[in-house]
Amino acid sequence: MILPNMSGFIRFFHIGDLHVCSQALDIAPLLEACVSARPAPDFLMTGGDNVDGGGHAEYASFLQSIAALKTPIFMVRGNHDRGHFARHL
């Protein structure tokens, strides 16, 4: 995928160790603040440990938080992202 960027630079936010759990605060405002920054990032990247324990409820909460993002997001699996990580993405 080629990302459009007039400056010749690739801009992205790297966020790691979110550790979303089923009782977590909503991370959507944090992610929205990242993609609303100026200059706007071309994509977001998570550095692993997107969820805390790998349970279905945690993945559901995480996926709900990223669902509305229009900016591409690339996710790296961390040691807490166990279970059925790939099935949820």
N, C-alpha and C. Protein backbone atom coordinates (compact mmCIF):
# COMPACT_ATOMS: atom_id res chain seq x y z
N MET A 1 0.84 -1.16 0.00
CA MET A 1 0.00 0.00 0.00
C MET A 1 0.89 1.24 0.00
N ILE A 2 0.59 2.17 -0.84
CA ILE A 2 1.31 3.44 -0.87
C ILE A 2 0.44 4.47 -0.17
N LEU A 3 1.01 5.12 0.82
CA LEU A 3 0.27 6.11 1.59
C LEU A 3 0.50 7.50 1.01
N PRO A 4 -0.59 8.26 0.80
CA PRO A 4 -0.40 9.61 0.25
C PRO A 4 0.21 10.55 1.27
N ASN A 5 1.21 11.28 0.84
CA ASN A 5 1.85 12.25 1.73
C ASN A 5 2.61 13.23 0.86
N MET A 6 2.21 14.46 0.91
CA MET A 6 2.80 15.47 0.04
C MET A 6 4.19 15.92 0.51
N SER A 7 4.53 15.68 1.77
CA SER A 7 5.79 16.20 2.29
C SER A 7 6.99 15.31 1.96
N GLY A 8 6.74 14.09 1.54
CA GLY A 8 7.84 13.18 1.30
C GLY A 8 8.24 12.41 2.54
N PHE A 9 7.63 12.71 3.68
CA PHE A 9 7.90 12.02 4.93
C PHE A 9 6.71 11.15 5.30
N ILE A 10 6.97 10.08 5.98
CA ILE A 10 5.89 9.25 6.52
C ILE A 10 5.74 9.64 7.98
N ARG A 11 4.53 9.98 8.37
CA ARG A 11 4.25 10.35 9.76
C ARG A 11 3.36 9.29 10.36
N PHE A 12 3.72 8.82 11.56
CA PHE A 12 2.87 7.84 12.23
C PHE A 12 3.00 7.99 13.73
N PHE A 13 1.98 7.49 14.42
CA PHE A 13 2.01 7.38 15.87
C PHE A 13 2.27 5.94 16.22
N HIS A 14 3.16 5.73 17.15
CA HIS A 14 3.42 4.39 17.68
C HIS A 14 2.90 4.37 19.11
N ILE A 15 1.99 3.45 19.38
CA ILE A 15 1.39 3.33 20.71
C ILE A 15 1.61 1.90 21.17
N GLY A 16 2.13 1.73 22.36
CA GLY A 16 2.37 0.38 22.85
C GLY A 16 1.80 0.15 24.23
N ASP A 17 1.63 -1.11 24.52
CA ASP A 17 1.22 -1.55 25.85
C ASP A 17 -0.09 -0.92 26.30
N LEU A 18 -1.09 -0.99 25.44
CA LEU A 18 -2.41 -0.46 25.79
C LEU A 18 -3.07 -1.31 26.88
N HIS A 19 -2.83 -2.61 26.86
CA HIS A 19 -3.37 -3.53 27.87
C HIS A 19 -4.86 -3.34 28.12
N VAL A 20 -5.62 -3.25 27.03
CA VAL A 20 -7.07 -3.09 27.15
C VAL A 20 -7.63 -4.33 27.85
N CYS A 21 -8.44 -4.10 28.86
CA CYS A 21 -9.13 -5.21 29.52
C CYS A 21 -10.63 -4.93 29.44
N SER A 22 -11.44 -5.90 29.81
CA SER A 22 -12.88 -5.75 29.63
C SER A 22 -13.45 -4.62 30.48
N GLN A 23 -12.77 -4.22 31.55
CA GLN A 23 -13.25 -3.12 32.39
C GLN A 23 -12.46 -1.84 32.15
N ALA A 24 -11.70 -1.80 31.07
CA ALA A 24 -10.81 -0.66 30.82
C ALA A 24 -11.59 0.59 30.46
N LEU A 25 -10.94 1.71 30.65
CA LEU A 25 -11.47 2.96 30.13
C LEU A 25 -11.43 2.89 28.61
N ASP A 26 -12.29 3.62 27.98
CA ASP A 26 -12.37 3.65 26.52
C ASP A 26 -11.11 4.32 25.96
N ILE A 27 -10.39 3.61 25.10
CA ILE A 27 -9.17 4.18 24.50
C ILE A 27 -9.47 4.94 23.21
N ALA A 28 -10.72 4.94 22.76
CA ALA A 28 -11.08 5.63 21.52
C ALA A 28 -10.69 7.11 21.55
N PRO A 29 -10.92 7.86 22.66
CA PRO A 29 -10.50 9.27 22.66
C PRO A 29 -8.99 9.45 22.49
N LEU A 30 -8.20 8.56 23.05
CA LEU A 30 -6.75 8.62 22.87
C LEU A 30 -6.38 8.41 21.41
N LEU A 31 -6.97 7.39 20.80
CA LEU A 31 -6.67 7.10 19.40
C LEU A 31 -7.16 8.22 18.49
N GLU A 32 -8.33 8.78 18.80
CA GLU A 32 -8.86 9.88 18.01
C GLU A 32 -7.96 11.11 18.10
N ALA A 33 -7.41 11.37 19.29
CA ALA A 33 -6.48 12.49 19.46
C ALA A 33 -5.22 12.28 18.61
N CYS A 34 -4.76 11.05 18.52
CA CYS A 34 -3.58 10.75 17.71
C CYS A 34 -3.83 11.03 16.24
N VAL A 35 -4.97 10.56 15.72
CA VAL A 35 -5.23 10.73 14.29
C VAL A 35 -5.66 12.15 13.96
N SER A 36 -6.06 12.93 14.96
CA SER A 36 -6.46 14.32 14.74
C SER A 36 -5.30 15.30 14.84
N ALA A 37 -4.14 14.80 15.22
CA ALA A 37 -2.95 15.66 15.35
C ALA A 37 -2.62 16.30 14.00
N ARG A 38 -1.98 17.44 14.06
CA ARG A 38 -1.56 18.12 12.84
C ARG A 38 -0.06 18.35 12.89
N PRO A 39 0.67 17.95 11.90
CA PRO A 39 0.19 17.30 10.69
C PRO A 39 -0.34 15.90 10.99
N ALA A 40 -1.32 15.49 10.25
CA ALA A 40 -1.98 14.20 10.48
C ALA A 40 -1.03 13.04 10.19
N PRO A 41 -1.11 11.99 11.00
CA PRO A 41 -0.27 10.82 10.72
C PRO A 41 -0.82 10.03 9.53
N ASP A 42 0.06 9.34 8.84
CA ASP A 42 -0.34 8.48 7.74
C ASP A 42 -0.93 7.17 8.25
N PHE A 43 -0.50 6.75 9.42
CA PHE A 43 -1.04 5.54 10.02
C PHE A 43 -0.71 5.51 11.51
N LEU A 44 -1.38 4.61 12.23
CA LEU A 44 -1.07 4.31 13.63
C LEU A 44 -0.44 2.93 13.68
N MET A 45 0.42 2.71 14.65
CA MET A 45 1.03 1.41 14.84
C MET A 45 1.02 1.07 16.31
N THR A 46 0.53 -0.12 16.63
CA THR A 46 0.58 -0.56 18.02
C THR A 46 1.80 -1.45 18.19
N GLY A 47 2.42 -1.36 19.33
CA GLY A 47 3.66 -2.09 19.57
C GLY A 47 3.49 -3.36 20.37
N GLY A 48 2.29 -3.88 20.43
CA GLY A 48 2.06 -5.12 21.17
C GLY A 48 1.38 -4.87 22.50
N ASP A 49 0.93 -5.95 23.10
CA ASP A 49 0.16 -5.91 24.34
C ASP A 49 -1.06 -4.99 24.16
N ASN A 50 -1.76 -5.23 23.06
CA ASN A 50 -2.97 -4.48 22.77
C ASN A 50 -4.07 -4.78 23.78
N VAL A 51 -4.15 -6.02 24.23
CA VAL A 51 -5.08 -6.42 25.29
C VAL A 51 -4.28 -6.99 26.45
N ASP A 52 -4.94 -7.18 27.57
CA ASP A 52 -4.21 -7.61 28.76
C ASP A 52 -4.10 -9.12 28.90
N GLY A 53 -5.20 -9.83 28.71
CA GLY A 53 -5.16 -11.26 28.96
C GLY A 53 -5.50 -12.14 27.78
N GLY A 54 -5.92 -11.55 26.68
CA GLY A 54 -6.23 -12.33 25.49
C GLY A 54 -7.64 -12.86 25.41
N GLY A 55 -8.53 -12.39 26.29
CA GLY A 55 -9.90 -12.87 26.30
C GLY A 55 -10.76 -12.21 25.23
N HIS A 56 -11.87 -12.87 24.90
CA HIS A 56 -12.78 -12.37 23.87
C HIS A 56 -13.32 -10.98 24.21
N ALA A 57 -13.68 -10.73 25.47
CA ALA A 57 -14.23 -9.43 25.88
C ALA A 57 -13.19 -8.32 25.69
N GLU A 58 -11.93 -8.63 25.95
CA GLU A 58 -10.87 -7.63 25.78
C GLU A 58 -10.70 -7.28 24.31
N TYR A 59 -10.68 -8.30 23.45
CA TYR A 59 -10.56 -8.04 22.02
C TYR A 59 -11.77 -7.26 21.51
N ALA A 60 -12.96 -7.59 22.01
CA ALA A 60 -14.17 -6.86 21.60
C ALA A 60 -14.05 -5.39 21.97
N SER A 61 -13.56 -5.10 23.17
CA SER A 61 -13.39 -3.71 23.61
C SER A 61 -12.34 -3.00 22.76
N PHE A 62 -11.24 -3.66 22.48
CA PHE A 62 -10.18 -3.08 21.66
C PHE A 62 -10.68 -2.80 20.24
N LEU A 63 -11.35 -3.78 19.64
CA LEU A 63 -11.83 -3.62 18.28
C LEU A 63 -12.91 -2.55 18.17
N GLN A 64 -13.72 -2.42 19.20
CA GLN A 64 -14.73 -1.36 19.22
C GLN A 64 -14.04 0.01 19.23
N SER A 65 -12.94 0.11 19.95
CA SER A 65 -12.21 1.38 20.04
C SER A 65 -11.56 1.79 18.73
N ILE A 66 -11.16 0.82 17.92
CA ILE A 66 -10.48 1.16 16.66
C ILE A 66 -11.42 1.16 15.46
N ALA A 67 -12.65 0.70 15.64
CA ALA A 67 -13.58 0.52 14.52
C ALA A 67 -13.85 1.79 13.74
N ALA A 68 -13.96 2.92 14.40
CA ALA A 68 -14.34 4.16 13.73
C ALA A 68 -13.15 4.90 13.10
N LEU A 69 -11.94 4.43 13.35
CA LEU A 69 -10.77 5.13 12.81
C LEU A 69 -10.73 5.03 11.29
N LYS A 70 -10.48 6.15 10.66
CA LYS A 70 -10.34 6.16 9.19
C LYS A 70 -8.87 6.06 8.80
N THR A 71 -7.98 6.27 9.75
CA THR A 71 -6.55 6.16 9.53
C THR A 71 -6.16 4.68 9.62
N PRO A 72 -5.33 4.19 8.70
CA PRO A 72 -4.90 2.79 8.78
C PRO A 72 -4.19 2.52 10.12
N ILE A 73 -4.37 1.32 10.63
CA ILE A 73 -3.71 0.92 11.88
C ILE A 73 -3.04 -0.42 11.64
N PHE A 74 -1.78 -0.50 12.02
CA PHE A 74 -1.00 -1.72 11.91
C PHE A 74 -0.71 -2.19 13.33
N MET A 75 -0.97 -3.47 13.58
CA MET A 75 -0.83 -3.99 14.94
C MET A 75 0.23 -5.06 15.02
N VAL A 76 1.04 -4.96 16.06
CA VAL A 76 2.04 -5.96 16.36
C VAL A 76 1.53 -6.76 17.55
N ARG A 77 1.75 -8.03 17.52
CA ARG A 77 1.32 -8.91 18.61
C ARG A 77 2.37 -8.89 19.72
N GLY A 78 1.90 -8.74 20.96
CA GLY A 78 2.78 -8.77 22.12
C GLY A 78 2.53 -10.03 22.94
N ASN A 79 3.30 -10.20 24.00
CA ASN A 79 3.15 -11.42 24.81
C ASN A 79 1.80 -11.49 25.54
N HIS A 80 1.11 -10.37 25.73
CA HIS A 80 -0.22 -10.40 26.34
C HIS A 80 -1.31 -10.66 25.32
N ASP A 81 -0.99 -10.56 24.04
CA ASP A 81 -1.95 -10.79 22.97
C ASP A 81 -2.00 -12.27 22.63
N ARG A 82 -2.26 -13.06 23.62
CA ARG A 82 -2.31 -14.49 23.39
C ARG A 82 -3.75 -14.91 23.08
N GLY A 83 -3.94 -16.18 22.97
CA GLY A 83 -5.28 -16.64 22.62
C GLY A 83 -5.46 -16.58 21.12
N HIS A 84 -6.59 -16.08 20.71
CA HIS A 84 -6.94 -16.08 19.29
C HIS A 84 -6.78 -14.69 18.70
N PHE A 85 -5.60 -14.11 18.87
CA PHE A 85 -5.32 -12.75 18.40
C PHE A 85 -5.69 -12.57 16.92
N ALA A 86 -5.20 -13.43 16.06
CA ALA A 86 -5.41 -13.27 14.62
C ALA A 86 -6.88 -13.42 14.25
N ARG A 87 -7.62 -14.24 14.97
CA ARG A 87 -9.03 -14.45 14.65
C ARG A 87 -9.84 -13.18 14.89
N HIS A 88 -9.41 -12.35 15.82
CA HIS A 88 -10.14 -11.15 16.18
C HIS A 88 -9.83 -9.98 15.26
N LEU A 89 -8.75 -10.06 14.50
CA LEU A 89 -8.35 -8.92 13.68
C LEU A 89 -8.71 -9.10 12.22
